[in-house]
PDB file of all heavy atoms in Angstrom:
ATOM      1  N   GLY A   1     -92.663  69.496  49.272  1.00  0.00           N
ATOM      2  CA  GLY A   1     -93.265  68.447  48.342  1.00  0.00           C
ATOM      3  C   GLY A   1     -92.186  68.309  47.252  1.00  0.00           C
ATOM      4  O   GLY A   1     -91.087  68.785  47.325  1.00  0.00           O
ATOM      5  N   THR A   2     -92.599  67.428  46.295  1.00  0.00           N
ATOM      6  CA  THR A   2     -91.659  67.053  45.283  1.00  0.00           C
ATOM      7  C   THR A   2     -92.344  67.315  43.809  1.00  0.00           C
ATOM      8  O   THR A   2     -93.472  67.362  43.647  1.00  0.00           O
ATOM      9  CB  THR A   2     -91.290  65.596  45.284  1.00  0.00           C
ATOM     10  OG1 THR A   2     -92.311  64.815  45.140  1.00  0.00           O
ATOM     11  CG2 THR A   2     -90.508  65.299  46.502  1.00  0.00           C
ATOM     12  N   PHE A   3     -91.410  67.624  42.712  1.00  0.00           N
ATOM     13  CA  PHE A   3     -91.712  67.724  41.465  1.00  0.00           C
ATOM     14  C   PHE A   3     -90.900  66.946  40.599  1.00  0.00           C
ATOM     15  O   PHE A   3     -89.676  67.009  40.773  1.00  0.00           O
ATOM     16  CB  PHE A   3     -91.628  69.256  41.079  1.00  0.00           C
ATOM     17  CG  PHE A   3     -91.770  69.432  39.519  1.00  0.00           C
ATOM     18  CD1 PHE A   3     -92.943  69.084  38.922  1.00  0.00           C
ATOM     19  CD2 PHE A   3     -90.893  70.143  38.887  1.00  0.00           C
ATOM     20  CE1 PHE A   3     -93.100  69.276  37.503  1.00  0.00           C
ATOM     21  CE2 PHE A   3     -90.965  70.369  37.529  1.00  0.00           C
ATOM     22  CZ  PHE A   3     -92.041  69.894  36.919  1.00  0.00           C
ATOM     23  N   ALA A   4     -91.500  66.025  39.734  1.00  0.00           N
ATOM     24  CA  ALA A   4     -90.673  65.250  38.795  1.00  0.00           C
ATOM     25  C   ALA A   4     -91.249  65.544  37.447  1.00  0.00           C
ATOM     26  O   ALA A   4     -92.460  65.829  37.173  1.00  0.00           O
ATOM     27  CB  ALA A   4     -91.023  63.821  39.144  1.00  0.00           C
ATOM     28  N   ALA A   5     -90.258  65.527  36.515  1.00  0.00           N
ATOM     29  CA  ALA A   5     -90.585  65.645  35.040  1.00  0.00           C
ATOM     30  C   ALA A   5     -90.010  64.514  34.202  1.00  0.00           C
ATOM     31  O   ALA A   5     -88.798  64.338  34.532  1.00  0.00           O
ATOM     32  CB  ALA A   5     -90.082  67.090  34.535  1.00  0.00           C
ATOM     33  N   PHE A   6     -90.613  64.037  33.319  1.00  0.00           N
ATOM     34  CA  PHE A   6     -90.235  62.880  32.588  1.00  0.00           C
ATOM     35  C   PHE A   6     -89.652  61.773  33.488  1.00  0.00           C
ATOM     36  O   PHE A   6     -88.537  61.215  33.143  1.00  0.00           O
ATOM     37  CB  PHE A   6     -89.168  63.432  31.565  1.00  0.00           C
ATOM     38  CG  PHE A   6     -89.562  64.622  30.703  1.00  0.00           C
ATOM     39  CD1 PHE A   6     -89.375  65.953  31.169  1.00  0.00           C
ATOM     40  CD2 PHE A   6     -90.516  64.428  29.744  1.00  0.00           C
ATOM     41  CE1 PHE A   6     -89.813  67.106  30.527  1.00  0.00           C
ATOM     42  CE2 PHE A   6     -90.985  65.612  28.955  1.00  0.00           C
ATOM     43  CZ  PHE A   6     -90.695  66.843  29.395  1.00  0.00           C
ATOM     44  N   GLU A   7     -90.252  61.633  34.573  1.00  0.00           N
ATOM     45  CA  GLU A   7     -90.097  60.467  35.409  1.00  0.00           C
ATOM     46  C   GLU A   7     -88.615  60.556  36.186  1.00  0.00           C
ATOM     47  O   GLU A   7     -88.096  59.692  36.774  1.00  0.00           O
ATOM     48  CB  GLU A   7     -90.128  59.104  34.733  1.00  0.00           C
ATOM     49  CG  GLU A   7     -91.487  58.933  34.098  1.00  0.00           C
ATOM     50  CD  GLU A   7     -91.661  57.652  33.366  1.00  0.00           C
ATOM     51  OE1 GLU A   7     -90.654  57.054  32.906  1.00  0.00           O
ATOM     52  OE2 GLU A   7     -92.870  57.193  33.154  1.00  0.00           O
ATOM     53  N   ASN A   8     -88.138  61.861  36.388  1.00  0.00           N
ATOM     54  CA  ASN A   8     -87.110  62.217  37.201  1.00  0.00           C
ATOM     55  C   ASN A   8     -87.302  63.389  38.058  1.00  0.00           C
ATOM     56  O   ASN A   8     -87.906  64.302  37.553  1.00  0.00           O
ATOM     57  CB  ASN A   8     -85.827  62.509  36.236  1.00  0.00           C
ATOM     58  CG  ASN A   8     -85.235  61.182  35.621  1.00  0.00           C
ATOM     59  OD1 ASN A   8     -84.739  60.356  36.246  1.00  0.00           O
ATOM     60  ND2 ASN A   8     -85.572  61.154  34.222  1.00  0.00           N
ATOM     61  N   GLU A   9     -86.936  63.320  39.297  1.00  0.00           N
ATOM     62  CA  GLU A   9     -87.165  64.376  40.234  1.00  0.00           C
ATOM     63  C   GLU A   9     -86.341  65.754  39.795  1.00  0.00           C
ATOM     64  O   GLU A   9     -85.176  65.632  39.274  1.00  0.00           O
ATOM     65  CB  GLU A   9     -86.729  64.155  41.634  1.00  0.00           C
ATOM     66  CG  GLU A   9     -87.136  65.252  42.513  1.00  0.00           C
ATOM     67  CD  GLU A   9     -86.979  64.929  44.115  1.00  0.00           C
ATOM     68  OE1 GLU A   9     -86.607  63.669  44.394  1.00  0.00           O
ATOM     69  OE2 GLU A   9     -87.119  65.830  44.952  1.00  0.00           O
ATOM     70  N   VAL A  10     -87.012  66.865  39.763  1.00  0.00           N
ATOM     71  CA  VAL A  10     -86.421  68.124  39.362  1.00  0.00           C
ATOM     72  C   VAL A  10     -85.991  68.874  40.613  1.00  0.00           C
ATOM     73  O   VAL A  10     -86.940  69.030  41.551  1.00  0.00           O
ATOM     74  CB  VAL A  10     -87.318  68.899  38.501  1.00  0.00           C
ATOM     75  CG1 VAL A  10     -86.672  70.342  38.137  1.00  0.00           C
ATOM     76  CG2 VAL A  10     -87.773  68.119  37.224  1.00  0.00           C
ATOM     77  N   THR A  11     -84.753  69.226  40.774  1.00  0.00           N
ATOM     78  CA  THR A  11     -84.166  69.902  41.987  1.00  0.00           C
ATOM     79  C   THR A  11     -83.563  71.185  41.539  1.00  0.00           C
ATOM     80  O   THR A  11     -83.274  71.451  40.375  1.00  0.00           O
ATOM     81  CB  THR A  11     -83.284  69.032  42.729  1.00  0.00           C
ATOM     82  OG1 THR A  11     -82.132  68.872  41.788  1.00  0.00           O
ATOM     83  CG2 THR A  11     -83.805  67.671  43.130  1.00  0.00           C
ATOM     84  N   GLU A  12     -83.381  72.103  42.509  1.00  0.00           N
ATOM     85  CA  GLU A  12     -82.657  73.268  42.237  1.00  0.00           C
ATOM     86  C   GLU A  12     -81.277  73.141  41.686  1.00  0.00           C
ATOM     87  O   GLU A  12     -80.799  73.771  40.705  1.00  0.00           O
ATOM     88  CB  GLU A  12     -82.572  74.205  43.485  1.00  0.00           C
ATOM     89  CG  GLU A  12     -81.971  75.537  43.243  1.00  0.00           C
ATOM     90  CD  GLU A  12     -82.134  76.417  44.488  1.00  0.00           C
ATOM     91  OE1 GLU A  12     -82.537  75.930  45.604  1.00  0.00           O
ATOM     92  OE2 GLU A  12     -81.716  77.591  44.447  1.00  0.00           O
ATOM     93  N   LYS A  13     -80.659  72.088  42.202  1.00  0.00           N
ATOM     94  CA  LYS A  13     -79.229  71.757  41.729  1.00  0.00           C
ATOM     95  C   LYS A  13     -79.339  71.346  40.234  1.00  0.00           C
ATOM     96  O   LYS A  13     -78.587  71.799  39.491  1.00  0.00           O
ATOM     97  CB  LYS A  13     -78.724  70.651  42.538  1.00  0.00           C
ATOM     98  CG  LYS A  13     -77.212  70.243  42.179  1.00  0.00           C
ATOM     99  CD  LYS A  13     -76.554  69.167  42.959  1.00  0.00           C
ATOM    100  CE  LYS A  13     -75.189  68.807  42.681  1.00  0.00           C
ATOM    101  NZ  LYS A  13     -74.700  67.630  43.363  1.00  0.00           N
ATOM    102  N   LYS A  14     -80.253  70.605  39.861  1.00  0.00           N
ATOM    103  CA  LYS A  14     -80.407  70.212  38.444  1.00  0.00           C
ATOM    104  C   LYS A  14     -80.744  71.307  37.495  1.00  0.00           C
ATOM    105  O   LYS A  14     -80.062  71.512  36.445  1.00  0.00           O
ATOM    106  CB  LYS A  14     -81.392  69.132  38.199  1.00  0.00           C
ATOM    107  CG  LYS A  14     -81.033  67.660  38.848  1.00  0.00           C
ATOM    108  CD  LYS A  14     -82.073  66.777  38.496  1.00  0.00           C
ATOM    109  CE  LYS A  14     -81.669  65.313  39.058  1.00  0.00           C
ATOM    110  NZ  LYS A  14     -82.749  64.393  38.968  1.00  0.00           N
ATOM    111  N   LEU A  15     -81.665  72.157  37.932  1.00  0.00           N
ATOM    112  CA  LEU A  15     -81.942  73.306  37.118  1.00  0.00           C
ATOM    113  C   LEU A  15     -80.828  74.300  37.013  1.00  0.00           C
ATOM    114  O   LEU A  15     -80.829  75.119  35.995  1.00  0.00           O
ATOM    115  CB  LEU A  15     -83.254  74.120  37.753  1.00  0.00           C
ATOM    116  CG  LEU A  15     -84.613  73.372  37.538  1.00  0.00           C
ATOM    117  CD1 LEU A  15     -85.717  74.055  38.214  1.00  0.00           C
ATOM    118  CD2 LEU A  15     -84.940  73.184  36.048  1.00  0.00           C
ATOM    119  N   ASN A  16     -79.958  74.352  37.977  1.00  0.00           N
ATOM    120  CA  ASN A  16     -78.747  75.294  37.829  1.00  0.00           C
ATOM    121  C   ASN A  16     -77.706  74.754  36.994  1.00  0.00           C
ATOM    122  O   ASN A  16     -76.702  75.384  36.744  1.00  0.00           O
ATOM    123  CB  ASN A  16     -78.184  75.521  39.267  1.00  0.00           C
ATOM    124  CG  ASN A  16     -79.213  76.575  39.989  1.00  0.00           C
ATOM    125  OD1 ASN A  16     -79.883  77.362  39.476  1.00  0.00           O
ATOM    126  ND2 ASN A  16     -79.065  76.480  41.317  1.00  0.00           N
ATOM    127  N   ASP A  17     -77.843  73.368  36.624  1.00  0.00           N
ATOM    128  CA  ASP A  17     -76.828  72.817  35.736  1.00  0.00           C
ATOM    129  C   ASP A  17     -77.286  73.113  34.328  1.00  0.00           C
ATOM    130  O   ASP A  17     -78.302  72.888  33.840  1.00  0.00           O
ATOM    131  CB  ASP A  17     -76.758  71.316  35.955  1.00  0.00           C
ATOM    132  CG  ASP A  17     -76.005  70.441  34.946  1.00  0.00           C
ATOM    133  OD1 ASP A  17     -74.781  70.459  35.280  1.00  0.00           O
ATOM    134  OD2 ASP A  17     -76.432  70.055  34.003  1.00  0.00           O
ATOM    135  N   ASP A  18     -76.259  73.809  33.618  1.00  0.00           N
ATOM    136  CA  ASP A  18     -76.497  74.252  32.345  1.00  0.00           C
ATOM    137  C   ASP A  18     -77.024  73.188  31.291  1.00  0.00           C
ATOM    138  O   ASP A  18     -77.999  73.431  30.648  1.00  0.00           O
ATOM    139  CB  ASP A  18     -75.306  74.901  31.682  1.00  0.00           C
ATOM    140  CG  ASP A  18     -75.588  75.826  30.453  1.00  0.00           C
ATOM    141  OD1 ASP A  18     -76.594  76.587  30.588  1.00  0.00           O
ATOM    142  OD2 ASP A  18     -74.827  75.690  29.492  1.00  0.00           O
ATOM    143  N   SER A  19     -76.478  71.987  31.214  1.00  0.00           N
ATOM    144  CA  SER A  19     -76.730  71.033  30.233  1.00  0.00           C
ATOM    145  C   SER A  19     -78.262  70.416  30.675  1.00  0.00           C
ATOM    146  O   SER A  19     -79.149  70.234  29.738  1.00  0.00           O
ATOM    147  CB  SER A  19     -75.732  69.881  30.237  1.00  0.00           C
ATOM    148  OG  SER A  19     -75.747  69.077  31.587  1.00  0.00           O
ATOM    149  N   PHE A  20     -78.557  70.193  31.948  1.00  0.00           N
ATOM    150  CA  PHE A  20     -79.792  69.872  32.283  1.00  0.00           C
ATOM    151  C   PHE A  20     -80.867  70.806  31.932  1.00  0.00           C
ATOM    152  O   PHE A  20     -81.932  70.552  31.412  1.00  0.00           O
ATOM    153  CB  PHE A  20     -79.931  69.568  33.918  1.00  0.00           C
ATOM    154  CG  PHE A  20     -81.394  69.223  34.307  1.00  0.00           C
ATOM    155  CD1 PHE A  20     -81.643  67.802  34.296  1.00  0.00           C
ATOM    156  CD2 PHE A  20     -82.253  70.070  34.607  1.00  0.00           C
ATOM    157  CE1 PHE A  20     -82.901  67.395  34.765  1.00  0.00           C
ATOM    158  CE2 PHE A  20     -83.527  69.707  35.146  1.00  0.00           C
ATOM    159  CZ  PHE A  20     -83.835  68.387  35.164  1.00  0.00           C
ATOM    160  N   SER A  21     -80.573  72.189  32.202  1.00  0.00           N
ATOM    161  CA  SER A  21     -81.581  73.223  31.953  1.00  0.00           C
ATOM    162  C   SER A  21     -81.735  73.334  30.486  1.00  0.00           C
ATOM    163  O   SER A  21     -83.026  73.427  30.019  1.00  0.00           O
ATOM    164  CB  SER A  21     -80.965  74.635  32.496  1.00  0.00           C
ATOM    165  OG  SER A  21     -81.904  75.666  32.334  1.00  0.00           O
ATOM    166  N   LYS A  22     -80.857  73.252  29.571  1.00  0.00           N
ATOM    167  CA  LYS A  22     -80.928  73.398  28.159  1.00  0.00           C
ATOM    168  C   LYS A  22     -81.808  72.195  27.626  1.00  0.00           C
ATOM    169  O   LYS A  22     -82.721  72.377  26.894  1.00  0.00           O
ATOM    170  CB  LYS A  22     -79.668  73.316  27.446  1.00  0.00           C
ATOM    171  CG  LYS A  22     -79.026  74.744  27.342  1.00  0.00           C
ATOM    172  CD  LYS A  22     -77.792  74.541  26.552  1.00  0.00           C
ATOM    173  CE  LYS A  22     -77.058  75.936  26.462  1.00  0.00           C
ATOM    174  NZ  LYS A  22     -75.777  75.856  25.645  1.00  0.00           N
ATOM    175  N   ALA A  23     -81.568  70.970  28.122  1.00  0.00           N
ATOM    176  CA  ALA A  23     -82.318  69.835  27.745  1.00  0.00           C
ATOM    177  C   ALA A  23     -83.821  69.956  28.103  1.00  0.00           C
ATOM    178  O   ALA A  23     -84.735  69.686  27.429  1.00  0.00           O
ATOM    179  CB  ALA A  23     -81.699  68.499  28.353  1.00  0.00           C
ATOM    180  N   TYR A  24     -83.963  70.510  29.333  1.00  0.00           N
ATOM    181  CA  TYR A  24     -85.410  70.729  29.905  1.00  0.00           C
ATOM    182  C   TYR A  24     -86.211  71.657  29.085  1.00  0.00           C
ATOM    183  O   TYR A  24     -87.353  71.305  28.644  1.00  0.00           O
ATOM    184  CB  TYR A  24     -85.266  71.122  31.315  1.00  0.00           C
ATOM    185  CG  TYR A  24     -86.618  71.023  32.040  1.00  0.00           C
ATOM    186  CD1 TYR A  24     -87.061  69.982  32.843  1.00  0.00           C
ATOM    187  CD2 TYR A  24     -87.627  72.077  32.058  1.00  0.00           C
ATOM    188  CE1 TYR A  24     -88.158  69.728  33.406  1.00  0.00           C
ATOM    189  CE2 TYR A  24     -88.764  71.911  32.661  1.00  0.00           C
ATOM    190  CZ  TYR A  24     -89.144  70.867  33.480  1.00  0.00           C
ATOM    191  OH  TYR A  24     -90.253  70.713  34.104  1.00  0.00           O
ATOM    192  N   HIS A  25     -85.536  72.834  28.777  1.00  0.00           N
ATOM    193  CA  HIS A  25     -86.331  73.832  28.076  1.00  0.00           C
ATOM    194  C   HIS A  25     -86.392  73.557  26.560  1.00  0.00           C
ATOM    195  O   HIS A  25     -87.089  74.100  25.799  1.00  0.00           O
ATOM    196  CB  HIS A  25     -85.540  75.146  28.228  1.00  0.00           C
ATOM    197  CG  HIS A  25     -85.809  75.606  29.661  1.00  0.00           C
ATOM    198  ND1 HIS A  25     -86.844  75.821  30.313  1.00  0.00           N
ATOM    199  CD2 HIS A  25     -84.911  75.810  30.678  1.00  0.00           C
ATOM    200  CE1 HIS A  25     -86.778  76.295  31.542  1.00  0.00           C
ATOM    201  NE2 HIS A  25     -85.451  76.279  31.856  1.00  0.00           N
ATOM    202  N   LYS A  26     -85.644  72.528  26.077  1.00  0.00           N
ATOM    203  CA  LYS A  26     -85.793  72.003  24.762  1.00  0.00           C
ATOM    204  C   LYS A  26     -87.116  71.131  24.693  1.00  0.00           C
ATOM    205  O   LYS A  26     -87.898  71.152  23.694  1.00  0.00           O
ATOM    206  CB  LYS A  26     -84.720  71.282  24.218  1.00  0.00           C
ATOM    207  CG  LYS A  26     -84.616  70.742  22.809  1.00  0.00           C
ATOM    208  CD  LYS A  26     -83.367  70.168  22.425  1.00  0.00           C
ATOM    209  CE  LYS A  26     -83.348  69.835  20.954  1.00  0.00           C
ATOM    210  NZ  LYS A  26     -84.219  68.694  20.604  1.00  0.00           N
ATOM    211  N   LYS A  27     -87.337  70.501  25.670  1.00  0.00           N
ATOM    212  CA  LYS A  27     -88.543  69.578  25.810  1.00  0.00           C
ATOM    213  C   LYS A  27     -89.859  70.268  26.170  1.00  0.00           C
ATOM    214  O   LYS A  27     -90.940  69.926  25.832  1.00  0.00           O
ATOM    215  CB  LYS A  27     -88.305  68.511  26.855  1.00  0.00           C
ATOM    216  CG  LYS A  27     -87.375  67.326  26.417  1.00  0.00           C
ATOM    217  CD  LYS A  27     -87.273  66.413  27.571  1.00  0.00           C
ATOM    218  CE  LYS A  27     -86.384  65.255  27.226  1.00  0.00           C
ATOM    219  NZ  LYS A  27     -86.324  64.265  28.380  1.00  0.00           N
ATOM    220  N   VAL A  28     -89.696  71.434  26.918  1.00  0.00           N
ATOM    221  CA  VAL A  28     -90.911  72.035  27.555  1.00  0.00           C
ATOM    222  C   VAL A  28     -90.809  73.531  27.110  1.00  0.00           C
ATOM    223  O   VAL A  28     -89.908  74.293  27.365  1.00  0.00           O
ATOM    224  CB  VAL A  28     -90.807  72.045  29.077  1.00  0.00           C
ATOM    225  CG1 VAL A  28     -92.137  72.610  29.660  1.00  0.00           C
ATOM    226  CG2 VAL A  28     -90.812  70.580  29.540  1.00  0.00           C
TER     227      VAL A  28
END
């Protein structure tokens, strides 16, 4: 299945990206 947050799909590649991860954990 899929998981999207803030209208963008969240993937393992994105979560492993430091800038994406920091932005995500600032919002959540």
